[in-house]
C-alpha atoms as a PDB file:
ATOM      1  CA  MET A   1     161.552  39.481 -81.006  1.00  0.00           C
ATOM      2  CA  GLU A   2     165.286  38.923 -80.193  1.00  0.00           C
ATOM      3  CA  ASP A   3     167.302  41.455 -78.184  1.00  0.00           C
ATOM      4  CA  ASN A   4     169.514  43.430 -80.529  1.00  0.00           C
ATOM      5  CA  THR A   5     171.715  45.874 -78.748  1.00  0.00           C
ATOM      6  CA  LYS A   6     174.319  46.346 -81.526  1.00  0.00           C
ATOM      7  CA  GLN A   7     172.156  48.270 -83.922  1.00  0.00           C
ATOM      8  CA  PRO A   8     173.737  51.255 -85.747  1.00  0.00           C
ATOM      9  CA  LEU A   9     173.106  54.704 -84.250  1.00  0.00           C
ATOM     10  CA  THR A  10     171.651  57.243 -86.625  1.00  0.00           C
ATOM     11  CA  ALA A  11     171.312  60.971 -86.301  1.00  0.00           C
ATOM     12  CA  ASP A  12     167.558  61.074 -86.577  1.00  0.00           C
ATOM     13  CA  ALA A  13     166.586  57.629 -85.534  1.00  0.00           C
ATOM     14  CA  SER A  14     163.790  57.165 -83.039  1.00  0.00           C
ATOM     15  CA  LEU A  15     164.062  55.792 -79.491  1.00  0.00           C
ATOM     16  CA  TYR A  16     163.388  52.099 -79.160  1.00  0.00           C
ATOM     17  CA  ASN A  17     163.599  51.135 -75.499  1.00  0.00           C
ATOM     18  CA  GLY A  18     166.189  53.725 -74.739  1.00  0.00           C
ATOM     19  CA  GLN A  19     168.457  52.925 -77.704  1.00  0.00           C
ATOM     20  CA  PRO A  20     168.343  54.761 -81.049  1.00  0.00           C
ATOM     21  CA  THR A  21     167.434  52.360 -83.829  1.00  0.00           C
ATOM     22  CA  ASP A  22     167.656  52.819 -87.622  1.00  0.00           C
ATOM     23  CA  THR A  23     164.209  53.528 -89.025  1.00  0.00           C
ATOM     24  CA  GLY A  24     165.077  51.873 -92.352  1.00  0.00           C
ATOM     25  CA  SER A  25     166.015  53.253 -95.771  1.00  0.00           C
ATOM     26  CA  SER A  26     162.397  53.124 -97.027  1.00  0.00           C
ATOM     27  CA  CYS A  27     161.314  55.728 -94.449  1.00  0.00           C
ATOM     28  CA  PRO A  28     161.735  59.414 -95.122  1.00  0.00           C
ATOM     29  CA  SER A  29     164.077  61.113 -92.697  1.00  0.00           C
ATOM     30  CA  ALA A  30     162.573  64.624 -93.146  1.00  0.00           C
ATOM     31  CA  ARG A  31     160.559  65.932 -90.251  1.00  0.00           C
ATOM     32  CA  LEU A  32     156.926  66.840 -90.937  1.00  0.00           C
ATOM     33  CA  THR A  33     156.888  69.957 -88.734  1.00  0.00           C
ATOM     34  CA  SER A  34     154.188  72.460 -89.657  1.00  0.00           C
ATOM     35  CA  CYS A  35     154.477  76.249 -89.463  1.00  0.00           C
ATOM     36  CA  THR A  36     150.699  76.694 -89.158  1.00  0.00           C
ATOM     37  CA  PRO A  37     150.087  79.388 -86.512  1.00  0.00           C
ATOM     38  CA  SER A  38     146.955  77.706 -85.087  1.00  0.00           C
ATOM     39  CA  ILE A  39     145.421  74.273 -84.728  1.00  0.00           C
ATOM     40  CA  SER A  40     142.837  73.416 -87.391  1.00  0.00           C
ATOM     41  CA  ASP A  41     139.117  72.994 -86.529  1.00  0.00           C
ATOM     42  CA  ASP A  42     139.430  69.245 -87.452  1.00  0.00           C
ATOM     43  CA  PHE A  43     142.193  68.850 -84.963  1.00  0.00           C
ATOM     44  CA  LYS A  44     140.252  70.637 -82.253  1.00  0.00           C
ATOM     45  CA  ASP A  45     137.547  68.050 -82.576  1.00  0.00           C
ATOM     46  CA  GLY A  46     139.770  65.426 -81.024  1.00  0.00           C
ATOM     47  CA  VAL A  47     143.431  65.957 -80.374  1.00  0.00           C
ATOM     48  CA  SER A  48     144.392  69.512 -79.466  1.00  0.00           C
ATOM     49  CA  VAL A  49     146.383  70.449 -76.383  1.00  0.00           C
ATOM     50  CA  GLU A  50     145.283  73.626 -74.701  1.00  0.00           C
ATOM     51  CA  ASN A  51     147.694  76.441 -73.652  1.00  0.00           C
ATOM     52  CA  MET A  52     150.694  74.755 -75.341  1.00  0.00           C
ATOM     53  CA  PRO A  53     153.111  76.430 -77.790  1.00  0.00           C
ATOM     54  CA  LEU A  54     152.368  74.819 -81.117  1.00  0.00           C
ATOM     55  CA  GLU A  55     155.948  73.798 -82.012  1.00  0.00           C
ATOM     56  CA  SER A  56     156.985  72.687 -78.541  1.00  0.00           C
ATOM     57  CA  LYS A  57     157.595  68.953 -78.565  1.00  0.00           C
ATOM     58  CA  ARG A  58     155.789  66.924 -75.930  1.00  0.00           C
ATOM     59  CA  TRP A  59     155.318  63.250 -75.170  1.00  0.00           C
ATOM     60  CA  PHE A  60     151.887  62.043 -76.397  1.00  0.00           C
ATOM     61  CA  VAL A  61     150.383  58.628 -75.602  1.00  0.00           C
ATOM     62  CA  LEU A  62     148.754  56.750 -78.456  1.00  0.00           C
ATOM     63  CA  ARG A  63     146.608  53.636 -78.199  1.00  0.00           C
ATOM     64  CA  VAL A  64     147.575  50.784 -80.477  1.00  0.00           C
ATOM     65  CA  SER A  65     145.086  48.255 -81.840  1.00  0.00           C
ATOM     66  CA  TYR A  66     145.667  44.686 -80.514  1.00  0.00           C
ATOM     67  CA  GLY A  67     148.811  42.918 -81.743  1.00  0.00           C
ATOM     68  CA  ARG A  68     149.992  45.760 -83.974  1.00  0.00           C
ATOM     69  CA  ILE A  69     152.574  47.607 -81.875  1.00  0.00           C
ATOM     70  CA  ILE A  70     155.445  47.039 -84.294  1.00  0.00           C
ATOM     71  CA  LYS A  71     153.359  48.078 -87.257  1.00  0.00           C
ATOM     72  CA  ALA A  72     152.317  51.179 -85.464  1.00  0.00           C
ATOM     73  CA  LYS A  73     155.876  52.042 -84.522  1.00  0.00           C
ATOM     74  CA  THR A  74     157.014  51.581 -88.136  1.00  0.00           C
ATOM     75  CA  TYR A  75     154.112  53.771 -89.385  1.00  0.00           C
ATOM     76  CA  VAL A  76     154.915  56.604 -87.013  1.00  0.00           C
ATOM     77  CA  GLU A  77     158.670  56.459 -87.794  1.00  0.00           C
ATOM     78  CA  CYS A  78     157.988  56.597 -91.497  1.00  0.00           C
ATOM     79  CA  LYS A  79     156.180  59.842 -90.950  1.00  0.00           C
ATOM     80  CA  GLY A  80     159.344  61.304 -89.424  1.00  0.00           C
ATOM     81  CA  ILE A  81     158.174  61.280 -85.794  1.00  0.00           C
ATOM     82  CA  ASP A  82     160.236  60.012 -82.886  1.00  0.00           C
ATOM     83  CA  CYS A  83     158.571  57.280 -80.784  1.00  0.00           C
ATOM     84  CA  PHE A  84     159.320  54.993 -77.928  1.00  0.00           C
ATOM     85  CA  VAL A  85     158.174  51.336 -77.381  1.00  0.00           C
ATOM     86  CA  PRO A  86     159.072  50.058 -73.931  1.00  0.00           C
ATOM     87  CA  LEU A  87     160.316  46.480 -73.990  1.00  0.00           C
ATOM     88  CA  ARG A  88     160.292  43.690 -71.471  1.00  0.00           C
ATOM     89  CA  TYR A  89     163.480  41.612 -71.184  1.00  0.00           C
ATOM     90  CA  ARG A  90     162.781  38.011 -70.609  1.00  0.00           C
ATOM     91  CA  GLN A  91     165.168  35.048 -69.990  1.00  0.00           C
ATOM     92  CA  ILE A  92     164.464  31.839 -71.767  1.00  0.00           C
ATOM     93  CA  THR A  93     166.256  28.539 -72.165  1.00  0.00           C
ATOM     94  CA  LYS A  94     166.567  27.312 -75.739  1.00  0.00           C
ATOM     95  CA  GLN A  95     168.524  24.114 -76.585  1.00  0.00           C
ATOM     96  CA  GLY A  96     170.014  24.160 -73.097  1.00  0.00           C
ATOM     97  CA  LYS A  97     171.303  27.786 -73.443  1.00  0.00           C
ATOM     98  CA  LYS A  98     169.946  30.787 -71.579  1.00  0.00           C
ATOM     99  CA  ARG A  99     169.068  33.733 -73.740  1.00  0.00           C
ATOM    100  CA  ILE A 100     167.524  37.179 -73.265  1.00  0.00           C
ATOM    101  CA  VAL A 101     164.615  37.964 -75.547  1.00  0.00           C
ATOM    102  CA  THR A 102     162.496  41.047 -75.746  1.00  0.00           C
ATOM    103  CA  GLU A 103     158.775  41.656 -76.115  1.00  0.00           C
ATOM    104  CA  PRO A 104     156.599  44.768 -75.761  1.00  0.00           C
ATOM    105  CA  LEU A 105     156.094  45.680 -72.144  1.00  0.00           C
ATOM    106  CA  LEU A 106     152.882  47.705 -72.800  1.00  0.00           C
ATOM    107  CA  PRO A 107     151.556  46.360 -76.162  1.00  0.00           C
ATOM    108  CA  SER A 108     148.605  48.767 -76.145  1.00  0.00           C
ATOM    109  CA  PHE A 109     150.624  51.988 -75.974  1.00  0.00           C
ATOM    110  CA  LEU A 110     153.016  53.916 -78.163  1.00  0.00           C
ATOM    111  CA  PHE A 111     154.751  57.042 -76.909  1.00  0.00           C
ATOM    112  CA  VAL A 112     155.519  59.798 -79.492  1.00  0.00           C
ATOM    113  CA  HIS A 113     157.732  62.839 -79.010  1.00  0.00           C
ATOM    114  CA  ALA A 114     156.213  65.452 -81.334  1.00  0.00           C
ATOM    115  CA  THR A 115     154.678  68.839 -81.727  1.00  0.00           C
ATOM    116  CA  CYS A 116     150.953  69.360 -81.915  1.00  0.00           C
ATOM    117  CA  SER A 117     151.187  70.014 -85.638  1.00  0.00           C
ATOM    118  CA  GLN A 118     153.135  66.780 -86.130  1.00  0.00           C
ATOM    119  CA  VAL A 119     150.401  64.791 -84.355  1.00  0.00           C
ATOM    120  CA  GLU A 120     147.766  66.684 -86.274  1.00  0.00           C
ATOM    121  CA  THR A 121     149.454  65.727 -89.572  1.00  0.00           C
ATOM    122  CA  LEU A 122     149.884  62.125 -88.444  1.00  0.00           C
ATOM    123  CA  PHE A 123     146.193  61.631 -87.733  1.00  0.00           C
ATOM    124  CA  ARG A 124     145.060  63.533 -90.802  1.00  0.00           C
ATOM    125  CA  LYS A 125     147.067  61.154 -92.995  1.00  0.00           C
ATOM    126  CA  LEU A 126     146.008  58.127 -90.845  1.00  0.00           C
ATOM    127  CA  ASN A 127     142.300  58.957 -91.181  1.00  0.00           C
ATOM    128  CA  ALA A 128     142.703  59.227 -94.949  1.00  0.00           C
ATOM    129  CA  SER A 129     144.275  55.824 -95.204  1.00  0.00           C
ATOM    130  CA  THR A 130     143.187  52.237 -94.735  1.00  0.00           C
ATOM    131  CA  SER A 131     145.136  52.125 -91.408  1.00  0.00           C
ATOM    132  CA  ARG A 132     142.795  54.440 -89.507  1.00  0.00           C
ATOM    133  CA  SER A 133     142.082  51.814 -86.888  1.00  0.00           C
ATOM    134  CA  LEU A 134     145.775  51.331 -86.112  1.00  0.00           C
ATOM    135  CA  LEU A 135     146.175  54.218 -83.704  1.00  0.00           C
ATOM    136  CA  SER A 136     144.058  56.523 -81.571  1.00  0.00           C
ATOM    137  CA  ILE A 137     144.743  59.343 -79.082  1.00  0.00           C
ATOM    138  CA  TYR A 138     144.790  58.463 -75.394  1.00  0.00           C
ATOM    139  CA  TYR A 139     142.976  61.203 -73.527  1.00  0.00           C
ATOM    140  CA  ASP A 140     143.506  62.783 -70.099  1.00  0.00           C
ATOM    141  CA  HIS A 141     140.305  61.866 -68.324  1.00  0.00           C
ATOM    142  CA  THR A 142     141.239  63.998 -65.261  1.00  0.00           C
ATOM    143  CA  SER A 143     140.868  67.334 -67.055  1.00  0.00           C
ATOM    144  CA  PHE A 144     138.723  69.116 -69.660  1.00  0.00           C
ATOM    145  CA  ARG A 145     139.471  71.409 -72.581  1.00  0.00           C
ATOM    146  CA  GLU A 146     138.860  75.128 -72.041  1.00  0.00           C
ATOM    147  CA  ASP A 147     137.235  75.529 -75.471  1.00  0.00           C
ATOM    148  CA  ALA A 148     135.083  72.438 -75.093  1.00  0.00           C
ATOM    149  CA  PRO A 149     134.255  71.631 -71.425  1.00  0.00           C
ATOM    150  CA  ASP A 150     132.588  68.323 -72.330  1.00  0.00           C
ATOM    151  CA  LYS A 151     135.780  66.963 -73.963  1.00  0.00           C
ATOM    152  CA  ASN A 152     139.132  65.792 -72.580  1.00  0.00           C
ATOM    153  CA  PRO A 153     142.495  66.940 -73.901  1.00  0.00           C
ATOM    154  CA  PRO A 154     145.137  64.407 -75.106  1.00  0.00           C
ATOM    155  CA  LEU A 155     147.333  62.988 -72.346  1.00  0.00           C
ATOM    156  CA  VAL A 156     150.722  64.638 -72.322  1.00  0.00           C
ATOM    157  CA  ILE A 157     153.598  63.201 -70.310  1.00  0.00           C
ATOM    158  CA  SER A 158     156.215  65.492 -68.812  1.00  0.00           C
ATOM    159  CA  ASP A 159     159.859  65.151 -69.958  1.00  0.00           C
ATOM    160  CA  SER A 160     161.025  64.226 -66.441  1.00  0.00           C
ATOM    161  CA  ALA A 161     158.408  61.468 -66.026  1.00  0.00           C
ATOM    162  CA  MET A 162     159.267  60.024 -69.468  1.00  0.00           C
ATOM    163  CA  ASP A 163     162.985  60.153 -68.714  1.00  0.00           C
ATOM    164  CA  ASN A 164     162.372  58.141 -65.490  1.00  0.00           C
ATOM    165  CA  PHE A 165     160.148  55.751 -67.434  1.00  0.00           C
ATOM    166  CA  ILE A 166     162.590  55.226 -70.290  1.00  0.00           C
ATOM    167  CA  ARG A 167     165.487  54.673 -67.897  1.00  0.00           C
ATOM    168  CA  LEU A 168     163.551  52.094 -65.913  1.00  0.00           C
ATOM    169  CA  THR A 169     162.244  50.205 -68.964  1.00  0.00           C
ATOM    170  CA  SER A 170     165.692  50.190 -70.612  1.00  0.00           C
ATOM    171  CA  ILE A 171     167.240  48.130 -67.851  1.00  0.00           C
ATOM    172  CA  LYS A 172     167.727  44.488 -68.972  1.00  0.00           C
ATOM    173  CA  ASN A 173     166.206  42.891 -65.954  1.00  0.00           C
ATOM    174  CA  PRO A 174     163.432  40.263 -66.481  1.00  0.00           C
ATOM    175  CA  HIS A 175     161.865  41.244 -63.154  1.00  0.00           C
ATOM    176  CA  VAL A 176     160.764  44.717 -64.413  1.00  0.00           C
ATOM    177  CA  ILE A 177     157.063  44.164 -64.884  1.00  0.00           C
ATOM    178  CA  PRO A 178     153.892  46.102 -65.525  1.00  0.00           C
ATOM    179  CA  VAL A 179     151.531  46.113 -62.597  1.00  0.00           C
ATOM    180  CA  THR A 180     148.029  47.176 -61.745  1.00  0.00           C
ATOM    181  CA  SER A 181     146.798  49.176 -58.697  1.00  0.00           C
ATOM    182  CA  GLU A 182     144.900  46.003 -57.604  1.00  0.00           C
ATOM    183  CA  ASN A 183     148.022  43.940 -56.891  1.00  0.00           C
ATOM    184  CA  ILE A 184     150.027  46.655 -55.142  1.00  0.00           C
ATOM    185  CA  MET A 185     150.356  47.142 -51.427  1.00  0.00           C
ATOM    186  CA  TYR A 186     152.113  50.455 -50.941  1.00  0.00           C
ATOM    187  CA  LYS A 187     154.351  50.658 -47.890  1.00  0.00           C
ATOM    188  CA  LEU A 188     153.278  54.037 -46.521  1.00  0.00           C
ATOM    189  CA  GLY A 189     153.378  55.286 -50.053  1.00  0.00           C
ATOM    190  CA  ASP A 190     156.940  56.585 -49.548  1.00  0.00           C
ATOM    191  CA  GLU A 191     158.361  58.444 -52.481  1.00  0.00           C
ATOM    192  CA  VAL A 192     161.940  57.344 -52.906  1.00  0.00           C
ATOM    193  CA  VAL A 193     164.920  57.496 -55.260  1.00  0.00           C
ATOM    194  CA  ILE A 194     167.049  54.308 -55.670  1.00  0.00           C
ATOM    195  CA  THR A 195     170.632  55.027 -54.687  1.00  0.00           C
ATOM    196  CA  GLU A 196     172.460  51.770 -55.476  1.00  0.00           C
ATOM    197  CA  GLY A 197     172.471  48.921 -57.991  1.00  0.00           C
ATOM    198  CA  GLU A 198     171.224  48.757 -61.580  1.00  0.00           C
ATOM    199  CA  PHE A 199     168.103  50.808 -60.762  1.00  0.00           C
ATOM    200  CA  MET A 200     170.079  53.713 -59.326  1.00  0.00           C
ATOM    201  CA  GLY A 201     168.422  57.060 -60.023  1.00  0.00           C
ATOM    202  CA  ILE A 202     164.892  55.612 -60.561  1.00  0.00           C
ATOM    203  CA  HIS A 203     162.158  57.547 -58.708  1.00  0.00           C
ATOM    204  CA  GLY A 204     158.996  55.915 -57.485  1.00  0.00           C
ATOM    205  CA  ARG A 205     156.969  54.626 -54.558  1.00  0.00           C
ATOM    206  CA  VAL A 206     157.866  51.717 -52.309  1.00  0.00           C
ATOM    207  CA  ALA A 207     155.458  48.816 -52.588  1.00  0.00           C
ATOM    208  CA  ARG A 208     155.160  45.176 -51.835  1.00  0.00           C
ATOM    209  CA  ILE A 209     154.457  43.026 -54.861  1.00  0.00           C
ATOM    210  CA  ALA A 210     154.451  39.208 -54.894  1.00  0.00           C
ATOM    211  CA  GLY A 211     156.088  39.189 -51.462  1.00  0.00           C
ATOM    212  CA  GLN A 212     158.919  41.496 -52.536  1.00  0.00           C
ATOM    213  CA  GLN A 213     159.782  45.069 -51.787  1.00  0.00           C
ATOM    214  CA  ARG A 214     159.928  47.001 -55.082  1.00  0.00           C
ATOM    215  CA  VAL A 215     159.688  50.477 -56.382  1.00  0.00           C
ATOM    216  CA  VAL A 216     156.769  51.391 -58.601  1.00  0.00           C
ATOM    217  CA  MET A 217     156.649  54.316 -60.957  1.00  0.00           C
ATOM    218  CA  GLU A 218     153.249  55.483 -62.293  1.00  0.00           C
ATOM    219  CA  LEU A 219     153.517  57.174 -65.652  1.00  0.00           C
ATOM    220  CA  PHE A 220     149.790  57.912 -65.829  1.00  0.00           C
ATOM    221  CA  ASP A 221     146.588  56.488 -64.332  1.00  0.00           C
ATOM    222  CA  GLY A 222     146.628  52.813 -65.091  1.00  0.00           C
ATOM    223  CA  CYS A 223     150.194  52.697 -66.373  1.00  0.00           C
ATOM    224  CA  LEU A 224     152.442  51.358 -63.586  1.00  0.00           C
ATOM    225  CA  VAL A 225     155.819  49.606 -63.849  1.00  0.00           C
ATOM    226  CA  ALA A 226     157.667  47.960 -61.026  1.00  0.00           C
ATOM    227  CA  THR A 227     161.366  47.331 -60.555  1.00  0.00           C
ATOM    228  CA  ALA A 228     162.853  44.046 -59.328  1.00  0.00           C
ATOM    229  CA  TYR A 229     163.466  43.585 -55.591  1.00  0.00           C
ATOM    230  CA  VAL A 230     165.157  46.621 -54.037  1.00  0.00           C
ATOM    231  CA  PRO A 231     166.582  46.415 -50.482  1.00  0.00           C
ATOM    232  CA  LYS A 232     165.763  49.206 -48.088  1.00  0.00           C
ATOM    233  CA  ALA A 233     169.434  50.207 -47.808  1.00  0.00           C
ATOM    234  CA  ALA A 234     169.495  50.900 -51.568  1.00  0.00           C
ATOM    235  CA  MET A 235     166.868  53.643 -51.514  1.00  0.00           C
ATOM    236  CA  SER A 236     166.474  57.099 -50.063  1.00  0.00           C
ATOM    237  CA  GLN A 237     163.188  58.800 -49.192  1.00  0.00           C
ATOM    238  CA  LEU A 238     162.470  61.972 -51.147  1.00  0.00           C
ATOM    239  CA  ARG A 239     161.690  65.015 -49.088  1.00  0.00           C
ATOM    240  CA  MET A 240     158.620  66.894 -50.374  1.00  0.00           C
END
């Protein structure tokens, strides 16, 4: 997948690594927002969010079947839902020339900005089609639903956390990488904000990865992304 930063901006295009991208003329632009006053019983069996205004948009995390992230993105966009696919910028040398190419940073996840009713409609249509194995809800395994104590609610990401995540993963630096908790050595776990350079404004925790001091942001349990090297002078500790 080549980097393409000169794509036309459209009014209701979805976010693709921080830049709006045209969803294509074959996709309907109308939003599929429902006015239903309550979540259906079918939806409560798997993907409801407790104590949330129905029409308030939130960031949901969807799992994508292996190798199908672009197909999943296209499917969601064609249903009129905004989504975000974080990309990894990688430098390659081709015929003696250096080029920047892009590839999915987290190929198993798709982030959608939608209301509960939009997600309900999406999965109702998905389950009725031949693409039902394409997507599934990622659940919050740290909490339980009030109406069903043996079930977990869908994971919802706050706007502030997604903003930080989108900003970080939109920086065209090949050293921005996904990491796991096993290969991180936090340096006192300091919460910092980067104050200088291309990562300025990014919030996270100071860590040592592959012999370098970096800042790691954790979007949710198991989803961590690290900046490139950040010198101590270019960060400021956040006061809790």
